[in-house]
PDB file of all heavy atoms in Angstrom:
ATOM      1  N   GLY A   1     -11.429  -5.139  18.524  1.00  0.00           N
ATOM      2  CA  GLY A   1     -12.773  -5.604  18.338  1.00  0.00           C
ATOM      3  C   GLY A   1     -13.105  -5.848  16.905  1.00  0.00           C
ATOM      4  O   GLY A   1     -14.331  -6.277  16.643  1.00  0.00           O
ATOM      5  N   LYS A   2     -12.276  -5.536  16.008  1.00  0.00           N
ATOM      6  CA  LYS A   2     -12.541  -5.772  14.485  1.00  0.00           C
ATOM      7  C   LYS A   2     -11.583  -6.684  13.942  1.00  0.00           C
ATOM      8  O   LYS A   2     -10.476  -6.995  14.455  1.00  0.00           O
ATOM      9  CB  LYS A   2     -12.417  -4.481  13.815  1.00  0.00           C
ATOM     10  CG  LYS A   2     -13.311  -3.392  14.382  1.00  0.00           C
ATOM     11  CD  LYS A   2     -13.196  -2.122  13.525  1.00  0.00           C
ATOM     12  CE  LYS A   2     -13.844  -2.238  12.048  1.00  0.00           C
ATOM     13  NZ  LYS A   2     -13.782  -0.972  11.304  1.00  0.00           N
ATOM     14  N   GLU A   3     -11.977  -7.240  12.756  1.00  0.00           N
ATOM     15  CA  GLU A   3     -11.253  -8.129  12.020  1.00  0.00           C
ATOM     16  C   GLU A   3     -10.163  -7.428  11.246  1.00  0.00           C
ATOM     17  O   GLU A   3     -10.274  -6.216  10.889  1.00  0.00           O
ATOM     18  CB  GLU A   3     -11.990  -8.995  10.998  1.00  0.00           C
ATOM     19  CG  GLU A   3     -13.131  -9.954  11.714  1.00  0.00           C
ATOM     20  CD  GLU A   3     -13.797 -10.854  10.682  1.00  0.00           C
ATOM     21  OE1 GLU A   3     -13.220 -10.933   9.645  1.00  0.00           O
ATOM     22  OE2 GLU A   3     -14.777 -11.397  11.080  1.00  0.00           O
ATOM     23  N   ARG A   4      -9.103  -8.164  10.967  1.00  0.00           N
ATOM     24  CA  ARG A   4      -7.993  -7.509  10.099  1.00  0.00           C
ATOM     25  C   ARG A   4      -8.589  -7.219   8.632  1.00  0.00           C
ATOM     26  O   ARG A   4      -9.120  -8.151   8.091  1.00  0.00           O
ATOM     27  CB  ARG A   4      -6.936  -8.551  10.048  1.00  0.00           C
ATOM     28  CG  ARG A   4      -5.623  -7.858   9.492  1.00  0.00           C
ATOM     29  CD  ARG A   4      -4.341  -8.739   9.698  1.00  0.00           C
ATOM     30  NE  ARG A   4      -4.101  -9.068  11.146  1.00  0.00           N
ATOM     31  CZ  ARG A   4      -3.119  -9.673  11.585  1.00  0.00           C
ATOM     32  NH1 ARG A   4      -2.223 -10.287  10.776  1.00  0.00           N
ATOM     33  NH2 ARG A   4      -3.046  -9.934  12.889  1.00  0.00           N
ATOM     34  N   GLU A   5      -8.260  -5.966   8.273  1.00  0.00           N
ATOM     35  CA  GLU A   5      -8.862  -5.597   6.961  1.00  0.00           C
ATOM     36  C   GLU A   5      -7.765  -5.059   6.080  1.00  0.00           C
ATOM     37  O   GLU A   5      -6.750  -4.597   6.494  1.00  0.00           O
ATOM     38  CB  GLU A   5      -9.815  -4.448   7.217  1.00  0.00           C
ATOM     39  CG  GLU A   5      -9.346  -3.114   7.737  1.00  0.00           C
ATOM     40  CD  GLU A   5     -10.328  -2.077   7.787  1.00  0.00           C
ATOM     41  OE1 GLU A   5     -11.487  -2.312   7.447  1.00  0.00           O
ATOM     42  OE2 GLU A   5      -9.976  -0.957   8.274  1.00  0.00           O
ATOM     43  N   PHE A   6      -8.016  -5.253   4.689  1.00  0.00           N
ATOM     44  CA  PHE A   6      -7.125  -4.794   3.673  1.00  0.00           C
ATOM     45  C   PHE A   6      -6.966  -3.272   3.674  1.00  0.00           C
ATOM     46  O   PHE A   6      -7.974  -2.549   3.817  1.00  0.00           O
ATOM     47  CB  PHE A   6      -7.625  -5.344   2.364  1.00  0.00           C
ATOM     48  CG  PHE A   6      -6.925  -4.750   1.201  1.00  0.00           C
ATOM     49  CD1 PHE A   6      -5.644  -5.145   0.781  1.00  0.00           C
ATOM     50  CD2 PHE A   6      -7.485  -3.679   0.458  1.00  0.00           C
ATOM     51  CE1 PHE A   6      -4.984  -4.599  -0.305  1.00  0.00           C
ATOM     52  CE2 PHE A   6      -6.919  -3.200  -0.730  1.00  0.00           C
ATOM     53  CZ  PHE A   6      -5.614  -3.594  -1.011  1.00  0.00           C
ATOM     54  N   VAL A   7      -5.752  -2.684   3.458  1.00  0.00           N
ATOM     55  CA  VAL A   7      -5.521  -1.245   3.239  1.00  0.00           C
ATOM     56  C   VAL A   7      -5.028  -1.054   1.884  1.00  0.00           C
ATOM     57  O   VAL A   7      -5.531  -0.179   1.230  1.00  0.00           O
ATOM     58  CB  VAL A   7      -4.556  -0.873   4.365  1.00  0.00           C
ATOM     59  CG1 VAL A   7      -4.165   0.704   4.166  1.00  0.00           C
ATOM     60  CG2 VAL A   7      -5.081  -0.982   5.756  1.00  0.00           C
ATOM     61  N   ALA A   8      -3.836  -1.744   1.542  1.00  0.00           N
ATOM     62  CA  ALA A   8      -3.338  -1.421   0.168  1.00  0.00           C
ATOM     63  C   ALA A   8      -2.386  -2.545  -0.154  1.00  0.00           C
ATOM     64  O   ALA A   8      -1.880  -3.296   0.765  1.00  0.00           O
ATOM     65  CB  ALA A   8      -2.519  -0.073   0.230  1.00  0.00           C
ATOM     66  N   ARG A   9      -2.043  -2.719  -1.513  1.00  0.00           N
ATOM     67  CA  ARG A   9      -1.163  -3.649  -1.913  1.00  0.00           C
ATOM     68  C   ARG A   9      -0.406  -3.172  -3.175  1.00  0.00           C
ATOM     69  O   ARG A   9      -0.883  -2.286  -3.787  1.00  0.00           O
ATOM     70  CB  ARG A   9      -1.804  -5.094  -2.170  1.00  0.00           C
ATOM     71  CG  ARG A   9      -2.635  -5.032  -3.445  1.00  0.00           C
ATOM     72  CD  ARG A   9      -1.964  -5.819  -4.590  1.00  0.00           C
ATOM     73  NE  ARG A   9      -2.836  -5.986  -5.704  1.00  0.00           N
ATOM     74  CZ  ARG A   9      -2.840  -5.119  -6.871  1.00  0.00           C
ATOM     75  NH1 ARG A   9      -2.042  -4.089  -6.860  1.00  0.00           N
ATOM     76  NH2 ARG A   9      -3.760  -5.468  -7.839  1.00  0.00           N
ATOM     77  N   ILE A  10       0.776  -3.752  -3.347  1.00  0.00           N
ATOM     78  CA  ILE A  10       1.622  -3.448  -4.464  1.00  0.00           C
ATOM     79  C   ILE A  10       2.228  -4.643  -5.043  1.00  0.00           C
ATOM     80  O   ILE A  10       2.652  -5.497  -4.348  1.00  0.00           O
ATOM     81  CB  ILE A  10       2.639  -2.338  -4.113  1.00  0.00           C
ATOM     82  CG1 ILE A  10       3.432  -1.872  -5.393  1.00  0.00           C
ATOM     83  CG2 ILE A  10       3.680  -2.867  -3.043  1.00  0.00           C
ATOM     84  CD1 ILE A  10       4.320  -0.713  -5.193  1.00  0.00           C
ATOM     85  N   ILE A  11       2.007  -4.794  -6.370  1.00  0.00           N
ATOM     86  CA  ILE A  11       2.773  -5.877  -7.082  1.00  0.00           C
ATOM     87  C   ILE A  11       4.074  -5.425  -7.352  1.00  0.00           C
ATOM     88  O   ILE A  11       4.376  -4.425  -7.963  1.00  0.00           O
ATOM     89  CB  ILE A  11       2.081  -6.224  -8.391  1.00  0.00           C
ATOM     90  CG1 ILE A  11       0.600  -6.691  -8.223  1.00  0.00           C
ATOM     91  CG2 ILE A  11       2.840  -7.389  -9.209  1.00  0.00           C
ATOM     92  CD1 ILE A  11      -0.216  -6.790  -9.444  1.00  0.00           C
ATOM     93  N   TRP A  12       5.129  -6.165  -6.782  1.00  0.00           N
ATOM     94  CA  TRP A  12       6.417  -5.707  -6.754  1.00  0.00           C
ATOM     95  C   TRP A  12       7.112  -5.422  -8.092  1.00  0.00           C
ATOM     96  O   TRP A  12       7.655  -4.345  -8.399  1.00  0.00           O
ATOM     97  CB  TRP A  12       7.414  -6.801  -6.051  1.00  0.00           C
ATOM     98  CG  TRP A  12       8.733  -6.119  -5.767  1.00  0.00           C
ATOM     99  CD1 TRP A  12       9.878  -6.262  -6.498  1.00  0.00           C
ATOM    100  CD2 TRP A  12       9.111  -5.469  -4.569  1.00  0.00           C
ATOM    101  NE1 TRP A  12      10.933  -5.572  -5.822  1.00  0.00           N
ATOM    102  CE2 TRP A  12      10.530  -5.150  -4.710  1.00  0.00           C
ATOM    103  CE3 TRP A  12       8.425  -5.052  -3.307  1.00  0.00           C
ATOM    104  CZ2 TRP A  12      11.117  -4.380  -3.693  1.00  0.00           C
ATOM    105  CZ3 TRP A  12       9.110  -4.404  -2.421  1.00  0.00           C
ATOM    106  CH2 TRP A  12      10.521  -4.054  -2.593  1.00  0.00           C
ATOM    107  N   SER A  13       6.803  -6.307  -9.058  1.00  0.00           N
ATOM    108  CA  SER A  13       7.556  -6.146 -10.415  1.00  0.00           C
ATOM    109  C   SER A  13       7.021  -5.045 -11.176  1.00  0.00           C
ATOM    110  O   SER A  13       7.676  -4.247 -11.851  1.00  0.00           O
ATOM    111  CB  SER A  13       7.341  -7.439 -11.099  1.00  0.00           C
ATOM    112  OG  SER A  13       5.973  -7.906 -11.298  1.00  0.00           O
ATOM    113  N   SER A  14       5.652  -4.920 -11.141  1.00  0.00           N
ATOM    114  CA  SER A  14       5.002  -3.890 -11.965  1.00  0.00           C
ATOM    115  C   SER A  14       4.677  -2.545 -11.235  1.00  0.00           C
ATOM    116  O   SER A  14       4.482  -1.534 -11.883  1.00  0.00           O
ATOM    117  CB  SER A  14       3.681  -4.426 -12.630  1.00  0.00           C
ATOM    118  OG  SER A  14       2.809  -4.508 -11.538  1.00  0.00           O
ATOM    119  N   THR A  15       4.748  -2.659  -9.945  1.00  0.00           N
ATOM    120  CA  THR A  15       4.395  -1.488  -9.025  1.00  0.00           C
ATOM    121  C   THR A  15       2.820  -1.170  -9.235  1.00  0.00           C
ATOM    122  O   THR A  15       2.485  -0.119  -8.699  1.00  0.00           O
ATOM    123  CB  THR A  15       5.125  -0.201  -9.196  1.00  0.00           C
ATOM    124  OG1 THR A  15       4.950   0.384 -10.495  1.00  0.00           O
ATOM    125  CG2 THR A  15       6.703  -0.491  -9.184  1.00  0.00           C
ATOM    126  N   ASN A  16       2.117  -1.959  -9.783  1.00  0.00           N
ATOM    127  CA  ASN A  16       0.655  -1.820  -9.736  1.00  0.00           C
ATOM    128  C   ASN A  16       0.121  -1.807  -8.330  1.00  0.00           C
ATOM    129  O   ASN A  16       0.463  -2.625  -7.512  1.00  0.00           O
ATOM    130  CB  ASN A  16      -0.025  -3.010 -10.479  1.00  0.00           C
ATOM    131  CG  ASN A  16      -1.463  -2.839 -10.400  1.00  0.00           C
ATOM    132  OD1 ASN A  16      -2.108  -3.405  -9.567  1.00  0.00           O
ATOM    133  ND2 ASN A  16      -2.148  -2.192 -11.544  1.00  0.00           N
ATOM    134  N   THR A  17      -0.717  -0.849  -8.033  1.00  0.00           N
ATOM    135  CA  THR A  17      -1.315  -0.611  -6.632  1.00  0.00           C
ATOM    136  C   THR A  17      -2.753  -0.705  -6.630  1.00  0.00           C
ATOM    137  O   THR A  17      -3.490  -0.554  -7.687  1.00  0.00           O
ATOM    138  CB  THR A  17      -0.745   0.714  -6.149  1.00  0.00           C
ATOM    139  OG1 THR A  17      -1.256   1.754  -6.961  1.00  0.00           O
ATOM    140  CG2 THR A  17       0.730   0.840  -5.965  1.00  0.00           C
ATOM    141  N   ARG A  18      -3.228  -1.031  -5.464  1.00  0.00           N
ATOM    142  CA  ARG A  18      -4.728  -1.020  -5.106  1.00  0.00           C
ATOM    143  C   ARG A  18      -4.921  -0.614  -3.680  1.00  0.00           C
ATOM    144  O   ARG A  18      -4.123  -0.959  -2.816  1.00  0.00           O
ATOM    145  CB  ARG A  18      -5.219  -2.487  -5.500  1.00  0.00           C
ATOM    146  CG  ARG A  18      -6.717  -2.554  -5.303  1.00  0.00           C
ATOM    147  CD  ARG A  18      -7.331  -3.854  -5.979  1.00  0.00           C
ATOM    148  NE  ARG A  18      -7.154  -3.746  -7.367  1.00  0.00           N
ATOM    149  CZ  ARG A  18      -7.450  -4.773  -8.115  1.00  0.00           C
ATOM    150  NH1 ARG A  18      -7.981  -5.812  -7.627  1.00  0.00           N
ATOM    151  NH2 ARG A  18      -7.303  -4.562  -9.439  1.00  0.00           N
ATOM    152  N   TYR A  19      -6.061   0.051  -3.466  1.00  0.00           N
ATOM    153  CA  TYR A  19      -6.364   0.680  -2.118  1.00  0.00           C
ATOM    154  C   TYR A  19      -7.749   0.251  -1.726  1.00  0.00           C
ATOM    155  O   TYR A  19      -8.663   0.164  -2.552  1.00  0.00           O
ATOM    156  CB  TYR A  19      -6.180   2.133  -2.178  1.00  0.00           C
ATOM    157  CG  TYR A  19      -4.787   2.608  -2.601  1.00  0.00           C
ATOM    158  CD1 TYR A  19      -4.381   2.829  -3.934  1.00  0.00           C
ATOM    159  CD2 TYR A  19      -3.763   2.834  -1.617  1.00  0.00           C
ATOM    160  CE1 TYR A  19      -3.132   3.240  -4.105  1.00  0.00           C
ATOM    161  CE2 TYR A  19      -2.567   3.185  -1.901  1.00  0.00           C
ATOM    162  CZ  TYR A  19      -2.190   3.417  -3.199  1.00  0.00           C
ATOM    163  OH  TYR A  19      -0.915   3.870  -3.556  1.00  0.00           O
ATOM    164  N   ALA A  20      -7.891   0.255  -0.467  1.00  0.00           N
ATOM    165  CA  ALA A  20      -9.199   0.085   0.089  1.00  0.00           C
ATOM    166  C   ALA A  20      -9.972   1.433  -0.126  1.00  0.00           C
ATOM    167  O   ALA A  20      -9.271   2.561  -0.088  1.00  0.00           O
ATOM    168  CB  ALA A  20      -9.282  -0.240   1.573  1.00  0.00           C
ATOM    169  N   ASP A  21     -11.143   1.444  -0.229  1.00  0.00           N
ATOM    170  CA  ASP A  21     -11.934   2.698  -0.498  1.00  0.00           C
ATOM    171  C   ASP A  21     -11.837   3.662   0.598  1.00  0.00           C
ATOM    172  O   ASP A  21     -11.735   4.843   0.398  1.00  0.00           O
ATOM    173  CB  ASP A  21     -13.512   2.302  -0.734  1.00  0.00           C
ATOM    174  CG  ASP A  21     -13.766   1.715  -1.969  1.00  0.00           C
ATOM    175  OD1 ASP A  21     -12.990   1.647  -2.850  1.00  0.00           O
ATOM    176  OD2 ASP A  21     -14.903   1.208  -2.043  1.00  0.00           O
ATOM    177  N   SER A  22     -11.667   3.154   1.851  1.00  0.00           N
ATOM    178  CA  SER A  22     -11.554   4.005   3.065  1.00  0.00           C
ATOM    179  C   SER A  22     -10.221   4.916   3.088  1.00  0.00           C
ATOM    180  O   SER A  22     -10.154   5.849   3.677  1.00  0.00           O
ATOM    181  CB  SER A  22     -11.682   3.174   4.279  1.00  0.00           C
ATOM    182  OG  SER A  22     -10.592   2.172   4.324  1.00  0.00           O
ATOM    183  N   VAL A  23      -9.193   4.443   2.351  1.00  0.00           N
ATOM    184  CA  VAL A  23      -7.904   5.126   2.376  1.00  0.00           C
ATOM    185  C   VAL A  23      -7.570   5.699   0.987  1.00  0.00           C
ATOM    186  O   VAL A  23      -6.580   6.486   0.964  1.00  0.00           O
ATOM    187  CB  VAL A  23      -6.811   4.308   2.832  1.00  0.00           C
ATOM    188  CG1 VAL A  23      -7.121   3.572   4.206  1.00  0.00           C
ATOM    189  CG2 VAL A  23      -6.423   3.232   1.828  1.00  0.00           C
ATOM    190  N   GLU A  24      -8.345   5.532   0.014  1.00  0.00           N
ATOM    191  CA  GLU A  24      -8.147   6.011  -1.508  1.00  0.00           C
ATOM    192  C   GLU A  24      -7.928   7.494  -1.389  1.00  0.00           C
ATOM    193  O   GLU A  24      -8.765   8.235  -0.781  1.00  0.00           O
ATOM    194  CB  GLU A  24      -9.204   5.527  -2.343  1.00  0.00           C
ATOM    195  CG  GLU A  24      -9.029   5.951  -3.867  1.00  0.00           C
ATOM    196  CD  GLU A  24      -7.997   5.089  -4.590  1.00  0.00           C
ATOM    197  OE1 GLU A  24      -8.013   3.849  -4.447  1.00  0.00           O
ATOM    198  OE2 GLU A  24      -6.972   5.689  -5.093  1.00  0.00           O
ATOM    199  N   GLY A  25      -6.824   7.922  -2.063  1.00  0.00           N
ATOM    200  CA  GLY A  25      -6.609   9.350  -2.011  1.00  0.00           C
ATOM    201  C   GLY A  25      -5.848   9.967  -0.828  1.00  0.00           C
ATOM    202  O   GLY A  25      -5.297  11.088  -0.938  1.00  0.00           O
ATOM    203  N   ARG A  26      -5.666   9.144   0.152  1.00  0.00           N
ATOM    204  CA  ARG A  26      -4.980   9.615   1.424  1.00  0.00           C
ATOM    205  C   ARG A  26      -3.830   8.785   1.686  1.00  0.00           C
ATOM    206  O   ARG A  26      -2.721   9.348   2.153  1.00  0.00           O
ATOM    207  CB  ARG A  26      -5.968   9.546   2.726  1.00  0.00           C
ATOM    208  CG  ARG A  26      -7.164  10.329   2.571  1.00  0.00           C
ATOM    209  CD  ARG A  26      -7.948  10.352   3.894  1.00  0.00           C
ATOM    210  NE  ARG A  26      -8.283   8.967   4.296  1.00  0.00           N
ATOM    211  CZ  ARG A  26      -7.982   8.399   5.420  1.00  0.00           C
ATOM    212  NH1 ARG A  26      -7.195   8.969   6.277  1.00  0.00           N
ATOM    213  NH2 ARG A  26      -8.426   7.092   5.710  1.00  0.00           N
ATOM    214  N   PHE A  27      -3.759   7.466   1.333  1.00  0.00           N
ATOM    215  CA  PHE A  27      -2.548   6.616   1.520  1.00  0.00           C
ATOM    216  C   PHE A  27      -1.999   6.445   0.204  1.00  0.00           C
ATOM    217  O   PHE A  27      -2.576   6.264  -0.878  1.00  0.00           O
ATOM    218  CB  PHE A  27      -3.060   5.359   2.171  1.00  0.00           C
ATOM    219  CG  PHE A  27      -3.394   5.529   3.543  1.00  0.00           C
ATOM    220  CD1 PHE A  27      -3.645   6.740   4.190  1.00  0.00           C
ATOM    221  CD2 PHE A  27      -3.704   4.389   4.420  1.00  0.00           C
ATOM    222  CE1 PHE A  27      -4.125   6.839   5.494  1.00  0.00           C
ATOM    223  CE2 PHE A  27      -4.113   4.499   5.736  1.00  0.00           C
ATOM    224  CZ  PHE A  27      -4.405   5.721   6.301  1.00  0.00           C
ATOM    225  N   THR A  28      -0.636   6.183   0.248  1.00  0.00           N
ATOM    226  CA  THR A  28       0.099   5.710  -1.033  1.00  0.00           C
ATOM    227  C   THR A  28       1.064   4.718  -0.566  1.00  0.00           C
ATOM    228  O   THR A  28       1.775   4.847   0.256  1.00  0.00           O
ATOM    229  CB  THR A  28       0.941   7.001  -1.582  1.00  0.00           C
ATOM    230  OG1 THR A  28       0.012   7.969  -1.972  1.00  0.00           O
ATOM    231  CG2 THR A  28       1.639   6.518  -2.877  1.00  0.00           C
ATOM    232  N   ILE A  29       1.031   3.523  -1.324  1.00  0.00           N
ATOM    233  CA  ILE A  29       1.982   2.456  -1.189  1.00  0.00           C
ATOM    234  C   ILE A  29       2.983   2.523  -2.205  1.00  0.00           C
ATOM    235  O   ILE A  29       2.681   2.825  -3.406  1.00  0.00           O
ATOM    236  CB  ILE A  29       1.195   1.050  -1.159  1.00  0.00           C
ATOM    237  CG1 ILE A  29       2.154  -0.091  -0.740  1.00  0.00           C
ATOM    238  CG2 ILE A  29       0.560   0.866  -2.482  1.00  0.00           C
ATOM    239  CD1 ILE A  29       1.547  -1.355  -0.487  1.00  0.00           C
ATOM    240  N   SER A  30       4.206   2.246  -1.828  1.00  0.00           N
ATOM    241  CA  SER A  30       5.342   2.300  -2.814  1.00  0.00           C
ATOM    242  C   SER A  30       6.359   1.423  -2.304  1.00  0.00           C
ATOM    243  O   SER A  30       6.336   0.732  -1.241  1.00  0.00           O
ATOM    244  CB  SER A  30       5.916   3.684  -2.968  1.00  0.00           C
ATOM    245  OG  SER A  30       6.321   4.166  -1.698  1.00  0.00           O
ATOM    246  N   ARG A  31       7.383   1.120  -3.181  1.00  0.00           N
ATOM    247  CA  ARG A  31       8.487   0.183  -2.720  1.00  0.00           C
ATOM    248  C   ARG A  31       9.748   0.771  -3.303  1.00  0.00           C
ATOM    249  O   ARG A  31       9.874   1.510  -4.281  1.00  0.00           O
ATOM    250  CB  ARG A  31       8.224  -1.201  -3.257  1.00  0.00           C
ATOM    251  CG  ARG A  31       8.008  -1.368  -4.765  1.00  0.00           C
ATOM    252  CD  ARG A  31       9.203  -1.403  -5.649  1.00  0.00           C
ATOM    253  NE  ARG A  31       9.036  -2.099  -6.820  1.00  0.00           N
ATOM    254  CZ  ARG A  31       9.868  -2.035  -7.905  1.00  0.00           C
ATOM    255  NH1 ARG A  31      11.052  -1.341  -7.663  1.00  0.00           N
ATOM    256  NH2 ARG A  31       9.625  -2.635  -9.099  1.00  0.00           N
ATOM    257  N   ASP A  32      10.849   0.283  -2.570  1.00  0.00           N
ATOM    258  CA  ASP A  32      12.217   0.623  -2.991  1.00  0.00           C
ATOM    259  C   ASP A  32      12.958  -0.650  -3.265  1.00  0.00           C
ATOM    260  O   ASP A  32      13.205  -1.456  -2.298  1.00  0.00           O
ATOM    261  CB  ASP A  32      12.894   1.365  -1.798  1.00  0.00           C
ATOM    262  CG  ASP A  32      14.340   1.853  -2.198  1.00  0.00           C
ATOM    263  OD1 ASP A  32      15.090   1.205  -2.902  1.00  0.00           O
ATOM    264  OD2 ASP A  32      14.789   2.858  -1.510  1.00  0.00           O
ATOM    265  N   GLY A  33      13.284  -0.932  -4.536  1.00  0.00           N
ATOM    266  CA  GLY A  33      13.790  -2.111  -4.971  1.00  0.00           C
ATOM    267  C   GLY A  33      15.156  -2.497  -4.372  1.00  0.00           C
ATOM    268  O   GLY A  33      15.514  -3.562  -4.018  1.00  0.00           O
ATOM    269  N   ALA A  34      16.021  -1.344  -4.206  1.00  0.00           N
ATOM    270  CA  ALA A  34      17.280  -1.565  -3.732  1.00  0.00           C
ATOM    271  C   ALA A  34      17.288  -1.891  -2.296  1.00  0.00           C
ATOM    272  O   ALA A  34      18.227  -2.679  -1.793  1.00  0.00           O
ATOM    273  CB  ALA A  34      18.120  -0.189  -3.933  1.00  0.00           C
ATOM    274  N   ARG A  35      16.321  -1.498  -1.490  1.00  0.00           N
ATOM    275  CA  ARG A  35      16.249  -1.885  -0.069  1.00  0.00           C
ATOM    276  C   ARG A  35      15.273  -2.810   0.351  1.00  0.00           C
ATOM    277  O   ARG A  35      15.229  -3.226   1.442  1.00  0.00           O
ATOM    278  CB  ARG A  35      15.850  -0.535   0.619  1.00  0.00           C
ATOM    279  CG  ARG A  35      16.841   0.628   0.435  1.00  0.00           C
ATOM    280  CD  ARG A  35      16.395   1.851   1.229  1.00  0.00           C
ATOM    281  NE  ARG A  35      17.512   2.866   1.102  1.00  0.00           N
ATOM    282  CZ  ARG A  35      17.371   4.032   1.539  1.00  0.00           C
ATOM    283  NH1 ARG A  35      16.310   4.528   2.209  1.00  0.00           N
ATOM    284  NH2 ARG A  35      18.306   4.986   1.505  1.00  0.00           N
ATOM    285  N   ASN A  36      14.607  -3.483  -0.737  1.00  0.00           N
ATOM    286  CA  ASN A  36      13.579  -4.441  -0.379  1.00  0.00           C
ATOM    287  C   ASN A  36      12.575  -4.065   0.671  1.00  0.00           C
ATOM    288  O   ASN A  36      12.317  -4.836   1.556  1.00  0.00           O
ATOM    289  CB  ASN A  36      14.220  -5.930  -0.051  1.00  0.00           C
ATOM    290  CG  ASN A  36      14.517  -6.742  -1.242  1.00  0.00           C
ATOM    291  OD1 ASN A  36      13.779  -7.744  -1.415  1.00  0.00           O
ATOM    292  ND2 ASN A  36      15.533  -6.380  -1.928  1.00  0.00           N
ATOM    293  N   THR A  37      12.099  -2.808   0.486  1.00  0.00           N
ATOM    294  CA  THR A  37      11.259  -2.201   1.383  1.00  0.00           C
ATOM    295  C   THR A  37      10.061  -1.544   0.797  1.00  0.00           C
ATOM    296  O   THR A  37      10.105  -1.025  -0.270  1.00  0.00           O
ATOM    297  CB  THR A  37      12.075  -1.116   2.175  1.00  0.00           C
ATOM    298  OG1 THR A  37      13.083  -1.655   2.860  1.00  0.00           O
ATOM    299  CG2 THR A  37      11.120  -0.318   3.187  1.00  0.00           C
ATOM    300  N   VAL A  38       8.920  -1.787   1.393  1.00  0.00           N
ATOM    301  CA  VAL A  38       7.670  -1.233   0.969  1.00  0.00           C
ATOM    302  C   VAL A  38       7.278  -0.169   1.998  1.00  0.00           C
ATOM    303  O   VAL A  38       7.489  -0.382   3.182  1.00  0.00           O
ATOM    304  CB  VAL A  38       6.544  -2.387   0.791  1.00  0.00           C
ATOM    305  CG1 VAL A  38       6.133  -2.955   2.050  1.00  0.00           C
ATOM    306  CG2 VAL A  38       5.350  -1.764   0.144  1.00  0.00           C
ATOM    307  N   TYR A  39       6.619   0.902   1.492  1.00  0.00           N
ATOM    308  CA  TYR A  39       6.265   1.931   2.369  1.00  0.00           C
ATOM    309  C   TYR A  39       4.749   2.218   2.228  1.00  0.00           C
ATOM    310  O   TYR A  39       4.096   1.958   1.266  1.00  0.00           O
ATOM    311  CB  TYR A  39       6.949   3.241   1.927  1.00  0.00           C
ATOM    312  CG  TYR A  39       8.498   3.182   2.032  1.00  0.00           C
ATOM    313  CD1 TYR A  39       9.254   2.815   0.952  1.00  0.00           C
ATOM    314  CD2 TYR A  39       9.060   3.337   3.168  1.00  0.00           C
ATOM    315  CE1 TYR A  39      10.548   2.778   0.948  1.00  0.00           C
ATOM    316  CE2 TYR A  39      10.492   3.318   3.320  1.00  0.00           C
ATOM    317  CZ  TYR A  39      11.198   2.963   2.070  1.00  0.00           C
ATOM    318  OH  TYR A  39      12.590   2.923   2.206  1.00  0.00           O
ATOM    319  N   LEU A  40       4.150   2.820   3.391  1.00  0.00           N
ATOM    320  CA  LEU A  40       2.866   3.196   3.325  1.00  0.00           C
ATOM    321  C   LEU A  40       2.813   4.665   3.842  1.00  0.00           C
ATOM    322  O   LEU A  40       3.039   4.892   5.037  1.00  0.00           O
ATOM    323  CB  LEU A  40       1.866   2.413   4.147  1.00  0.00           C
ATOM    324  CG  LEU A  40       0.425   2.776   4.143  1.00  0.00           C
ATOM    325  CD1 LEU A  40      -0.170   2.331   2.661  1.00  0.00           C
ATOM    326  CD2 LEU A  40      -0.347   1.981   5.119  1.00  0.00           C
ATOM    327  N   GLN A  41       2.711   5.696   2.908  1.00  0.00           N
ATOM    328  CA  GLN A  41       2.542   7.030   3.292  1.00  0.00           C
ATOM    329  C   GLN A  41       1.062   7.349   3.610  1.00  0.00           C
ATOM    330  O   GLN A  41       0.207   7.226   2.795  1.00  0.00           O
ATOM    331  CB  GLN A  41       3.069   7.953   2.183  1.00  0.00           C
ATOM    332  CG  GLN A  41       2.930   9.499   2.439  1.00  0.00           C
ATOM    333  CD  GLN A  41       3.882   9.917   3.546  1.00  0.00           C
ATOM    334  OE1 GLN A  41       5.037   9.534   3.462  1.00  0.00           O
ATOM    335  NE2 GLN A  41       3.329  10.626   4.472  1.00  0.00           N
ATOM    336  N   MET A  42       0.917   7.860   4.871  1.00  0.00           N
ATOM    337  CA  MET A  42      -0.416   7.987   5.304  1.00  0.00           C
ATOM    338  C   MET A  42      -0.639   9.455   5.621  1.00  0.00           C
ATOM    339  O   MET A  42       0.016  10.023   6.409  1.00  0.00           O
ATOM    340  CB  MET A  42      -0.745   7.245   6.529  1.00  0.00           C
ATOM    341  CG  MET A  42      -0.517   5.718   6.282  1.00  0.00           C
ATOM    342  SD  MET A  42      -1.011   4.743   7.851  1.00  0.00           S
ATOM    343  CE  MET A  42       0.171   5.366   9.036  1.00  0.00           C
ATOM    344  N   ASN A  43      -1.469  10.064   4.793  1.00  0.00           N
ATOM    345  CA  ASN A  43      -1.779  11.560   5.027  1.00  0.00           C
ATOM    346  C   ASN A  43      -3.264  11.763   5.393  1.00  0.00           C
ATOM    347  O   ASN A  43      -4.100  10.907   5.247  1.00  0.00           O
ATOM    348  CB  ASN A  43      -1.516  12.356   3.633  1.00  0.00           C
ATOM    349  CG  ASN A  43      -0.043  12.152   3.198  1.00  0.00           C
ATOM    350  OD1 ASN A  43       0.809  12.215   4.001  1.00  0.00           O
ATOM    351  ND2 ASN A  43       0.151  12.212   1.886  1.00  0.00           N
TER     352      ASN A  43
END
């Protein structure tokens, strides 16, 4: 019943990250260059 909303993003080359206020401090976005994989750790 809700619209799709932003959670987090990462700029691949710089690893600069940004988070929605609702998840700041709880979620962490990261990437593994060798595996071409991005992760979202949710605590």
